[in-house]
Amino acid sequence: MFVHFGKTEKLLNVYEDELISCDNCNETTVTYRIVQKYYQISGIPILPAEKYTGMSCDNCGYGSNNVISENAKTYEKLSKTPWYLYTGVAILIGTFLFYIIHAIYAAIIK
């Protein structure tokens, strides 16, 4: 049985901003991509990691990751982390609670 550990990315949202111009061609066809990185074990999300914003121009194809601007921060705040990225934590907490409750129940029965 193979267990795969790693960090994966999930595209959260795409925003088209017509008020910002491209750094390369000065056209107003900029698209922001909000991406959430998360840790996973065998395809099961464990914990979300950092979130970043990528920017690309639809006109010239120029793009960059980890954009730091006021618009990027605003779009990151609008893009909430999905609840299912905490699945691994929920499984671990559920397992520990099960064993604790089982131990308490076994101690009461004796």
C-alpha atoms as a PDB file:
ATOM      1  CA  MET A   1       0.000   0.000   0.000  1.00  0.00           C
ATOM      2  CA  PHE A   2       1.421   3.363  -1.050  1.00  0.00           C
ATOM      3  CA  VAL A   3       0.815   6.499   0.946  1.00  0.00           C
ATOM      4  CA  HIS A   4       1.415   9.753  -0.886  1.00  0.00           C
ATOM      5  CA  PHE A   5       2.211  12.862   1.168  1.00  0.00           C
ATOM      6  CA  GLY A   6       2.420  16.251  -0.435  1.00  0.00           C
ATOM      7  CA  LYS A   7       1.271  19.770  -1.018  1.00  0.00           C
ATOM      8  CA  THR A   8      -1.363  20.443  -3.667  1.00  0.00           C
ATOM      9  CA  GLU A   9      -3.101  23.516  -5.051  1.00  0.00           C
ATOM     10  CA  LYS A  10      -6.790  24.296  -5.485  1.00  0.00           C
ATOM     11  CA  LEU A  11      -8.069  27.150  -7.666  1.00  0.00           C
ATOM     12  CA  LEU A  12     -10.585  29.050  -5.549  1.00  0.00           C
ATOM     13  CA  ASN A  13     -11.755  31.927  -7.747  1.00  0.00           C
ATOM     14  CA  VAL A  14     -11.008  33.870 -10.898  1.00  0.00           C
ATOM     15  CA  TYR A  15     -11.638  37.624 -11.004  1.00  0.00           C
ATOM     16  CA  GLU A  16     -11.447  39.804 -14.107  1.00  0.00           C
ATOM     17  CA  ASP A  17     -10.393  43.347 -13.243  1.00  0.00           C
ATOM     18  CA  GLU A  18     -10.933  46.000 -15.909  1.00  0.00           C
ATOM     19  CA  LEU A  19      -9.646  48.864 -13.764  1.00  0.00           C
ATOM     20  CA  ILE A  20      -6.051  47.626 -13.509  1.00  0.00           C
ATOM     21  CA  SER A  21      -3.689  47.765 -16.483  1.00  0.00           C
ATOM     22  CA  CYS A  22      -1.111  45.133 -17.401  1.00  0.00           C
ATOM     23  CA  ASP A  23       2.503  45.872 -16.446  1.00  0.00           C
ATOM     24  CA  ASN A  24       3.682  44.672 -19.861  1.00  0.00           C
ATOM     25  CA  CYS A  25       1.229  46.027 -22.462  1.00  0.00           C
ATOM     26  CA  ASN A  26      -0.884  48.527 -20.417  1.00  0.00           C
ATOM     27  CA  GLU A  27      -4.162  46.957 -21.588  1.00  0.00           C
ATOM     28  CA  THR A  28      -6.996  46.591 -19.084  1.00  0.00           C
ATOM     29  CA  THR A  29      -7.547  42.859 -19.568  1.00  0.00           C
ATOM     30  CA  VAL A  30      -6.118  41.559 -16.294  1.00  0.00           C
ATOM     31  CA  THR A  31      -7.347  38.364 -14.637  1.00  0.00           C
ATOM     32  CA  TYR A  32      -6.582  37.418 -11.023  1.00  0.00           C
ATOM     33  CA  ARG A  33      -6.461  33.759  -9.909  1.00  0.00           C
ATOM     34  CA  ILE A  34      -6.818  32.981  -6.201  1.00  0.00           C
ATOM     35  CA  VAL A  35      -5.072  29.687  -5.350  1.00  0.00           C
ATOM     36  CA  GLN A  36      -5.094  27.823  -2.021  1.00  0.00           C
ATOM     37  CA  LYS A  37      -2.276  25.403  -1.249  1.00  0.00           C
ATOM     38  CA  TYR A  38      -3.011  22.511   1.097  1.00  0.00           C
ATOM     39  CA  TYR A  39      -1.367  19.415   2.524  1.00  0.00           C
ATOM     40  CA  GLN A  40      -2.787  16.040   1.550  1.00  0.00           C
ATOM     41  CA  ILE A  41      -2.234  12.367   2.318  1.00  0.00           C
ATOM     42  CA  SER A  42      -3.254   9.953  -0.451  1.00  0.00           C
ATOM     43  CA  GLY A  43      -5.629  12.510  -1.933  1.00  0.00           C
ATOM     44  CA  ILE A  44      -7.319  13.400   1.383  1.00  0.00           C
ATOM     45  CA  PRO A  45      -6.871  17.071   2.293  1.00  0.00           C
ATOM     46  CA  ILE A  46      -5.352  17.475   5.763  1.00  0.00           C
ATOM     47  CA  LEU A  47      -4.736  21.187   6.340  1.00  0.00           C
ATOM     48  CA  PRO A  48      -4.844  24.310   4.195  1.00  0.00           C
ATOM     49  CA  ALA A  49      -1.557  26.143   3.794  1.00  0.00           C
ATOM     50  CA  GLU A  50      -0.893  29.535   2.255  1.00  0.00           C
ATOM     51  CA  LYS A  51      -3.132  31.313  -0.203  1.00  0.00           C
ATOM     52  CA  TYR A  52      -1.709  33.374  -3.074  1.00  0.00           C
ATOM     53  CA  THR A  53      -2.885  35.465  -5.992  1.00  0.00           C
ATOM     54  CA  GLY A  54      -1.681  35.025  -9.553  1.00  0.00           C
ATOM     55  CA  MET A  55      -2.216  37.621 -12.260  1.00  0.00           C
ATOM     56  CA  SER A  56      -2.318  37.206 -16.039  1.00  0.00           C
ATOM     57  CA  CYS A  57      -3.047  39.458 -18.976  1.00  0.00           C
ATOM     58  CA  ASP A  58      -5.545  38.178 -21.530  1.00  0.00           C
ATOM     59  CA  ASN A  59      -4.067  40.410 -24.230  1.00  0.00           C
ATOM     60  CA  CYS A  60      -0.312  39.702 -24.181  1.00  0.00           C
ATOM     61  CA  GLY A  61      -0.146  36.587 -21.990  1.00  0.00           C
ATOM     62  CA  TYR A  62       2.058  38.190 -19.337  1.00  0.00           C
ATOM     63  CA  GLY A  63       1.580  36.655 -15.911  1.00  0.00           C
ATOM     64  CA  SER A  64       3.034  36.466 -12.450  1.00  0.00           C
ATOM     65  CA  ASN A  65       2.388  34.569  -9.229  1.00  0.00           C
ATOM     66  CA  ASN A  66       2.348  35.917  -5.686  1.00  0.00           C
ATOM     67  CA  VAL A  67       0.988  39.324  -6.664  1.00  0.00           C
ATOM     68  CA  ILE A  68       1.097  41.751  -3.746  1.00  0.00           C
ATOM     69  CA  SER A  69      -1.297  44.635  -4.279  1.00  0.00           C
ATOM     70  CA  GLU A  70      -4.390  46.049  -2.635  1.00  0.00           C
ATOM     71  CA  ASN A  71      -6.622  44.425  -5.272  1.00  0.00           C
ATOM     72  CA  ALA A  72      -4.953  41.052  -4.747  1.00  0.00           C
ATOM     73  CA  LYS A  73      -5.461  41.293  -0.979  1.00  0.00           C
ATOM     74  CA  THR A  74      -9.110  42.225  -1.477  1.00  0.00           C
ATOM     75  CA  TYR A  75      -9.702  39.275  -3.811  1.00  0.00           C
ATOM     76  CA  GLU A  76      -7.951  36.908  -1.372  1.00  0.00           C
ATOM     77  CA  LYS A  77     -10.268  38.057   1.419  1.00  0.00           C
ATOM     78  CA  LEU A  78     -13.308  37.458  -0.809  1.00  0.00           C
ATOM     79  CA  SER A  79     -12.124  33.894  -1.559  1.00  0.00           C
ATOM     80  CA  LYS A  80     -12.778  31.842   1.546  1.00  0.00           C
ATOM     81  CA  THR A  81     -10.975  28.564   2.232  1.00  0.00           C
ATOM     82  CA  PRO A  82     -13.345  25.634   1.528  1.00  0.00           C
ATOM     83  CA  TRP A  83     -14.382  23.629   4.591  1.00  0.00           C
ATOM     84  CA  TYR A  84     -13.451  20.296   2.994  1.00  0.00           C
ATOM     85  CA  LEU A  85      -9.751  21.198   3.128  1.00  0.00           C
ATOM     86  CA  TYR A  86     -10.017  20.432   6.866  1.00  0.00           C
ATOM     87  CA  THR A  87     -11.185  16.816   6.246  1.00  0.00           C
ATOM     88  CA  GLY A  88      -8.024  15.211   7.624  1.00  0.00           C
ATOM     89  CA  VAL A  89      -8.176  17.242  10.825  1.00  0.00           C
ATOM     90  CA  ALA A  90     -11.828  16.274  11.295  1.00  0.00           C
ATOM     91  CA  ILE A  91     -10.981  12.580  10.823  1.00  0.00           C
ATOM     92  CA  LEU A  92      -8.143  12.780  13.361  1.00  0.00           C
ATOM     93  CA  ILE A  93     -10.249  14.632  15.937  1.00  0.00           C
ATOM     94  CA  GLY A  94     -13.132  12.203  15.401  1.00  0.00           C
ATOM     95  CA  THR A  95     -10.819   9.225  15.910  1.00  0.00           C
ATOM     96  CA  PHE A  96      -9.358  10.647  19.133  1.00  0.00           C
ATOM     97  CA  LEU A  97     -12.816  11.495  20.473  1.00  0.00           C
ATOM     98  CA  PHE A  98     -14.015   7.980  19.687  1.00  0.00           C
ATOM     99  CA  TYR A  99     -11.137   6.416  21.636  1.00  0.00           C
ATOM    100  CA  ILE A 100     -11.540   8.809  24.566  1.00  0.00           C
ATOM    101  CA  ILE A 101     -15.280   8.156  24.801  1.00  0.00           C
ATOM    102  CA  HIS A 102     -14.691   4.425  24.443  1.00  0.00           C
ATOM    103  CA  ALA A 103     -12.082   4.503  27.263  1.00  0.00           C
ATOM    104  CA  ILE A 104     -14.422   6.471  29.535  1.00  0.00           C
ATOM    105  CA  TYR A 105     -17.297   4.110  28.772  1.00  0.00           C
ATOM    106  CA  ALA A 106     -15.089   1.069  29.444  1.00  0.00           C
ATOM    107  CA  ALA A 107     -13.959   2.592  32.768  1.00  0.00           C
ATOM    108  CA  ILE A 108     -17.568   3.230  33.831  1.00  0.00           C
ATOM    109  CA  ILE A 109     -18.690  -0.308  32.967  1.00  0.00           C
ATOM    110  CA  LYS A 110     -15.956  -1.930  35.116  1.00  0.00           C
END
